[in-house]
PDB file of N, CA and C in Angstrom:
ATOM      1  N   UNK A   1       0.808  -1.175  -0.008  1.00  0.00           N
ATOM      2  CA  UNK A   1      -0.010  -0.023  -0.019  1.00  0.00           C
ATOM      3  C   UNK A   1       0.884   1.278  -0.004  1.00  0.00           C
ATOM      4  N   UNK A   2       1.955   1.175   0.692  1.00  0.00           N
ATOM      5  CA  UNK A   2       2.850   2.428   0.788  1.00  0.00           C
ATOM      6  C   UNK A   2       3.400   2.699  -0.628  1.00  0.00           C
ATOM      7  N   UNK A   3       3.768   1.716  -1.395  1.00  0.00           N
ATOM      8  CA  UNK A   3       4.275   1.925  -2.658  1.00  0.00           C
ATOM      9  C   UNK A   3       3.290   2.607  -3.546  1.00  0.00           C
ATOM     10  N   UNK A   4       2.076   2.176  -3.553  1.00  0.00           N
ATOM     11  CA  UNK A   4       1.026   2.820  -4.316  1.00  0.00           C
ATOM     12  C   UNK A   4       0.678   4.247  -3.909  1.00  0.00           C
ATOM     13  N   UNK A   5       0.786   4.467  -2.650  1.00  0.00           N
ATOM     14  CA  UNK A   5       0.623   5.772  -2.104  1.00  0.00           C
ATOM     15  C   UNK A   5       1.690   6.720  -2.617  1.00  0.00           C
ATOM     16  N   UNK A   6       2.942   6.240  -2.509  1.00  0.00           N
ATOM     17  CA  UNK A   6       4.103   7.003  -2.993  1.00  0.00           C
ATOM     18  C   UNK A   6       4.004   7.310  -4.477  1.00  0.00           C
ATOM     19  N   UNK A   7       3.567   6.364  -5.255  1.00  0.00           N
ATOM     20  CA  UNK A   7       3.428   6.493  -6.646  1.00  0.00           C
ATOM     21  C   UNK A   7       2.384   7.526  -6.973  1.00  0.00           C
ATOM     22  N   UNK A   8       1.185   7.436  -6.305  1.00  0.00           N
ATOM     23  CA  UNK A   8       0.141   8.389  -6.493  1.00  0.00           C
ATOM     24  C   UNK A   8       0.602   9.864  -6.109  1.00  0.00           C
ATOM     25  N   UNK A   9       1.393   9.912  -4.992  1.00  0.00           N
ATOM     26  CA  UNK A   9       1.874  11.196  -4.617  1.00  0.00           C
ATOM     27  C   UNK A   9       2.827  11.796  -5.549  1.00  0.00           C
ATOM     28  N   UNK A  10       3.650  10.983  -6.144  1.00  0.00           N
ATOM     29  CA  UNK A  10       4.642  11.399  -7.135  1.00  0.00           C
ATOM     30  C   UNK A  10       3.916  11.888  -8.328  1.00  0.00           C
ATOM     31  N   UNK A  11       2.878  11.257  -8.802  1.00  0.00           N
ATOM     32  CA  UNK A  11       2.074  11.668 -10.002  1.00  0.00           C
ATOM     33  C   UNK A  11       1.405  12.979  -9.719  1.00  0.00           C
ATOM     34  N   UNK A  12       0.773  13.167  -8.524  1.00  0.00           N
ATOM     35  CA  UNK A  12       0.177  14.427  -8.230  1.00  0.00           C
ATOM     36  C   UNK A  12       1.196  15.560  -8.236  1.00  0.00           C
ATOM     37  N   UNK A  13       2.325  15.278  -7.643  1.00  0.00           N
ATOM     38  CA  UNK A  13       3.468  16.318  -7.604  1.00  0.00           C
ATOM     39  C   UNK A  13       3.842  16.702  -9.087  1.00  0.00           C
ATOM     40  N   UNK A  14       3.914  15.706  -9.960  1.00  0.00           N
ATOM     41  CA  UNK A  14       4.278  15.990 -11.280  1.00  0.00           C
ATOM     42  C   UNK A  14       3.302  16.889 -11.995  1.00  0.00           C
ATOM     43  N   UNK A  15       2.051  16.564 -11.845  1.00  0.00           N
ATOM     44  CA  UNK A  15       1.002  17.383 -12.472  1.00  0.00           C
ATOM     45  C   UNK A  15       0.882  18.817 -11.879  1.00  0.00           C
ATOM     46  N   UNK A  16       1.107  18.896 -10.490  1.00  0.00           N
ATOM     47  CA  UNK A  16       1.120  20.218  -9.927  1.00  0.00           C
ATOM     48  C   UNK A  16       2.315  21.035 -10.436  1.00  0.00           C
ATOM     49  N   UNK A  17       3.407  20.419 -10.661  1.00  0.00           N
ATOM     50  CA  UNK A  17       4.622  21.103 -11.075  1.00  0.00           C
ATOM     51  C   UNK A  17       4.291  21.671 -12.528  1.00  0.00           C
ATOM     52  N   UNK A  18       3.708  20.843 -13.396  1.00  0.00           N
ATOM     53  CA  UNK A  18       3.355  21.259 -14.732  1.00  0.00           C
ATOM     54  C   UNK A  18       2.303  22.448 -14.688  1.00  0.00           C
ATOM     55  N   UNK A  19       1.347  22.354 -13.758  1.00  0.00           N
ATOM     56  CA  UNK A  19       0.393  23.414 -13.607  1.00  0.00           C
ATOM     57  C   UNK A  19       1.033  24.695 -13.160  1.00  0.00           C
ATOM     58  N   UNK A  20       1.938  24.674 -12.197  1.00  0.00           N
ATOM     59  CA  UNK A  20       2.607  25.821 -11.683  1.00  0.00           C
ATOM     60  C   UNK A  20       3.484  26.403 -12.827  1.00  0.00           C
ATOM     61  N   UNK A  21       4.153  25.598 -13.625  1.00  0.00           N
ATOM     62  CA  UNK A  21       4.953  26.143 -14.671  1.00  0.00           C
ATOM     63  C   UNK A  21       4.093  26.793 -15.767  1.00  0.00           C
ATOM     64  N   UNK A  22       2.949  26.259 -16.066  1.00  0.00           N
ATOM     65  CA  UNK A  22       2.021  26.822 -17.026  1.00  0.00           C
ATOM     66  C   UNK A  22       1.505  28.206 -16.456  1.00  0.00           C
ATOM     67  N   UNK A  23       1.154  28.231 -15.221  1.00  0.00           N
ATOM     68  CA  UNK A  23       0.760  29.517 -14.588  1.00  0.00           C
ATOM     69  C   UNK A  23       1.819  30.564 -14.592  1.00  0.00           C
ATOM     70  N   UNK A  24       3.029  30.158 -14.360  1.00  0.00           N
ATOM     71  CA  UNK A  24       4.129  31.158 -14.342  1.00  0.00           C
ATOM     72  C   UNK A  24       4.363  31.644 -15.843  1.00  0.00           C
ATOM     73  N   UNK A  25       4.292  30.708 -16.798  1.00  0.00           N
ATOM     74  CA  UNK A  25       4.460  31.168 -18.204  1.00  0.00           C
ATOM     75  C   UNK A  25       3.381  32.150 -18.533  1.00  0.00           C
ATOM     76  N   UNK A  26       2.128  31.861 -18.162  1.00  0.00           N
ATOM     77  CA  UNK A  26       1.056  32.812 -18.440  1.00  0.00           C
ATOM     78  C   UNK A  26       1.240  34.152 -17.854  1.00  0.00           C
ATOM     79  N   UNK A  27       1.706  34.172 -16.604  1.00  0.00           N
ATOM     80  CA  UNK A  27       1.916  35.369 -15.871  1.00  0.00           C
ATOM     81  C   UNK A  27       3.023  36.194 -16.530  1.00  0.00           C
ATOM     82  N   UNK A  28       4.101  35.518 -16.955  1.00  0.00           N
ATOM     83  CA  UNK A  28       5.211  36.247 -17.606  1.00  0.00           C
ATOM     84  C   UNK A  28       4.761  36.764 -19.003  1.00  0.00           C
ATOM     85  N   UNK A  29       4.012  36.016 -19.707  1.00  0.00           N
ATOM     86  CA  UNK A  29       3.474  36.437 -20.974  1.00  0.00           C
ATOM     87  C   UNK A  29       2.533  37.714 -20.864  1.00  0.00           C
ATOM     88  N   UNK A  30       1.816  37.640 -19.747  1.00  0.00           N
ATOM     89  CA  UNK A  30       0.846  38.764 -19.446  1.00  0.00           C
ATOM     90  C   UNK A  30       1.672  39.992 -19.162  1.00  0.00           C
ATOM     91  N   UNK A  31       2.716  39.838 -18.373  1.00  0.00           N
ATOM     92  CA  UNK A  31       3.567  40.954 -18.068  1.00  0.00           C
ATOM     93  C   UNK A  31       4.221  41.565 -19.304  1.00  0.00           C
ATOM     94  N   UNK A  32       4.822  40.640 -20.155  1.00  0.00           N
ATOM     95  CA  UNK A  32       5.387  41.079 -21.402  1.00  0.00           C
ATOM     96  C   UNK A  32       4.451  41.786 -22.301  1.00  0.00           C
ATOM     97  N   UNK A  33       3.224  41.241 -22.424  1.00  0.00           N
ATOM     98  CA  UNK A  33       2.210  41.896 -23.237  1.00  0.00           C
ATOM     99  C   UNK A  33       1.864  43.283 -22.717  1.00  0.00           C
ATOM    100  N   UNK A  34       1.669  43.375 -21.407  1.00  0.00           N
ATOM    101  CA  UNK A  34       1.337  44.723 -20.826  1.00  0.00           C
ATOM    102  C   UNK A  34       2.447  45.646 -21.030  1.00  0.00           C
ATOM    103  N   UNK A  35       3.711  45.294 -20.897  1.00  0.00           N
ATOM    104  CA  UNK A  35       4.911  46.137 -21.019  1.00  0.00           C
ATOM    105  C   UNK A  35       4.954  46.596 -22.519  1.00  0.00           C
ATOM    106  N   UNK A  36       4.760  45.665 -23.385  1.00  0.00           N
ATOM    107  CA  UNK A  36       4.767  45.978 -24.883  1.00  0.00           C
ATOM    108  C   UNK A  36       3.695  47.032 -25.218  1.00  0.00           C
ATOM    109  N   UNK A  37       2.529  46.749 -24.736  1.00  0.00           N
ATOM    110  CA  UNK A  37       1.381  47.649 -25.078  1.00  0.00           C
ATOM    111  C   UNK A  37       1.696  49.064 -24.493  1.00  0.00           C
ATOM    112  N   UNK A  38       2.171  49.109 -23.275  1.00  0.00           N
ATOM    113  CA  UNK A  38       2.423  50.413 -22.687  1.00  0.00           C
ATOM    114  C   UNK A  38       3.526  51.204 -23.452  1.00  0.00           C
ATOM    115  N   UNK A  39       4.560  50.470 -23.877  1.00  0.00           N
ATOM    116  CA  UNK A  39       5.640  51.117 -24.659  1.00  0.00           C
ATOM    117  C   UNK A  39       5.194  51.531 -26.053  1.00  0.00           C
ATOM    118  N   UNK A  40       4.298  50.729 -26.651  1.00  0.00           N
ATOM    119  CA  UNK A  40       3.876  50.993 -28.037  1.00  0.00           C
ATOM    120  C   UNK A  40       3.008  52.317 -27.986  1.00  0.00           C
ATOM    121  N   UNK A  41       2.278  52.533 -26.900  1.00  0.00           N
ATOM    122  CA  UNK A  41       1.495  53.716 -26.773  1.00  0.00           C
ATOM    123  C   UNK A  41       2.351  54.975 -26.818  1.00  0.00           C
ATOM    124  N   UNK A  42       3.595  54.812 -26.461  1.00  0.00           N
ATOM    125  CA  UNK A  42       4.576  55.901 -26.481  1.00  0.00           C
ATOM    126  C   UNK A  42       5.082  56.140 -27.887  1.00  0.00           C
ATOM    127  N   UNK A  43       4.723  55.263 -28.862  1.00  0.00           N
ATOM    128  CA  UNK A  43       5.079  55.520 -30.255  1.00  0.00           C
ATOM    129  C   UNK A  43       6.412  54.747 -30.715  1.00  0.00           C
ATOM    130  N   UNK A  44       6.847  53.763 -29.897  1.00  0.00           N
ATOM    131  CA  UNK A  44       8.072  53.053 -30.253  1.00  0.00           C
ATOM    132  C   UNK A  44       7.596  51.901 -31.075  1.00  0.00           C
ATOM    133  N   UNK A  45       8.381  51.419 -32.121  1.00  0.00           N
ATOM    134  CA  UNK A  45       7.974  50.322 -32.913  1.00  0.00           C
ATOM    135  C   UNK A  45       7.997  49.063 -32.185  1.00  0.00           C
ATOM    136  N   UNK A  46       7.260  48.037 -32.626  1.00  0.00           N
ATOM    137  CA  UNK A  46       7.048  46.858 -31.881  1.00  0.00           C
ATOM    138  C   UNK A  46       8.354  46.060 -31.671  1.00  0.00           C
ATOM    139  N   UNK A  47       9.172  45.956 -32.671  1.00  0.00           N
ATOM    140  CA  UNK A  47      10.458  45.213 -32.487  1.00  0.00           C
ATOM    141  C   UNK A  47      11.262  45.743 -31.298  1.00  0.00           C
ATOM    142  N   UNK A  48      11.446  47.092 -31.265  1.00  0.00           N
ATOM    143  CA  UNK A  48      12.214  47.782 -30.235  1.00  0.00           C
ATOM    144  C   UNK A  48      11.537  47.572 -28.845  1.00  0.00           C
ATOM    145  N   UNK A  49      10.153  47.618 -28.955  1.00  0.00           N
ATOM    146  CA  UNK A  49       9.412  47.513 -27.679  1.00  0.00           C
ATOM    147  C   UNK A  49       9.546  46.039 -27.074  1.00  0.00           C
ATOM    148  N   UNK A  50       9.455  45.071 -27.871  1.00  0.00           N
ATOM    149  CA  UNK A  50       9.574  43.713 -27.400  1.00  0.00           C
ATOM    150  C   UNK A  50      11.016  43.510 -26.799  1.00  0.00           C
ATOM    151  N   UNK A  51      11.911  43.945 -27.504  1.00  0.00           N
ATOM    152  CA  UNK A  51      13.354  43.827 -27.031  1.00  0.00           C
ATOM    153  C   UNK A  51      13.475  44.533 -25.691  1.00  0.00           C
ATOM    154  N   UNK A  52      13.060  45.774 -25.606  1.00  0.00           N
ATOM    155  CA  UNK A  52      13.174  46.506 -24.327  1.00  0.00           C
ATOM    156  C   UNK A  52      12.413  45.842 -23.182  1.00  0.00           C
ATOM    157  N   UNK A  53      11.242  45.284 -23.436  1.00  0.00           N
ATOM    158  CA  UNK A  53      10.435  44.636 -22.412  1.00  0.00           C
ATOM    159  C   UNK A  53      11.163  43.358 -21.958  1.00  0.00           C
ATOM    160  N   UNK A  54      11.708  42.651 -22.824  1.00  0.00           N
ATOM    161  CA  UNK A  54      12.459  41.415 -22.494  1.00  0.00           C
ATOM    162  C   UNK A  54      13.697  41.741 -21.644  1.00  0.00           C
ATOM    163  N   UNK A  55      14.384  42.778 -22.026  1.00  0.00           N
ATOM    164  CA  UNK A  55      15.596  43.194 -21.271  1.00  0.00           C
ATOM    165  C   UNK A  55      15.154  43.566 -19.862  1.00  0.00           C
ATOM    166  N   UNK A  56      14.062  44.299 -19.700  1.00  0.00           N
ATOM    167  CA  UNK A  56      13.494  44.741 -18.369  1.00  0.00           C
ATOM    168  C   UNK A  56      13.153  43.472 -17.540  1.00  0.00           C
ATOM    169  N   UNK A  57      12.664  42.449 -18.154  1.00  0.00           N
ATOM    170  CA  UNK A  57      12.289  41.211 -17.432  1.00  0.00           C
ATOM    171  C   UNK A  57      13.530  40.434 -17.081  1.00  0.00           C
ATOM    172  N   UNK A  58      14.637  40.716 -17.711  1.00  0.00           N
ATOM    173  CA  UNK A  58      15.858  39.936 -17.352  1.00  0.00           C
ATOM    174  C   UNK A  58      16.080  38.764 -18.246  1.00  0.00           C
ATOM    175  N   UNK A  59      15.347  38.696 -19.360  1.00  0.00           N
ATOM    176  CA  UNK A  59      15.457  37.596 -20.318  1.00  0.00           C
ATOM    177  C   UNK A  59      14.462  36.502 -20.067  1.00  0.00           C
ATOM    178  N   UNK A  60      14.033  35.888 -21.114  1.00  0.00           N
ATOM    179  CA  UNK A  60      12.923  34.904 -20.976  1.00  0.00           C
ATOM    180  C   UNK A  60      13.384  33.593 -20.209  1.00  0.00           C
ATOM    181  N   UNK A  61      14.676  33.400 -20.275  1.00  0.00           N
ATOM    182  CA  UNK A  61      15.204  32.186 -19.560  1.00  0.00           C
ATOM    183  C   UNK A  61      15.036  32.228 -18.009  1.00  0.00           C
ATOM    184  N   UNK A  62      15.040  33.404 -17.484  1.00  0.00           N
ATOM    185  CA  UNK A  62      14.965  33.498 -16.076  1.00  0.00           C
ATOM    186  C   UNK A  62      13.556  33.382 -15.578  1.00  0.00           C
TER     187      UNK A  62
END
């Protein structure tokens, strides 16, 4: 029974981790979109805006 309980706990942890990573990706995308939109309102072209927003975030890898 202990082995089955451990296996079930491991699977739940794996799915939670994937959900947390998805939520973090969505949050970062939302921040990037908001930063891009705010900068574009200032009249900067999209390519420069996206680059500036990513630099402000510290890079997508972080």
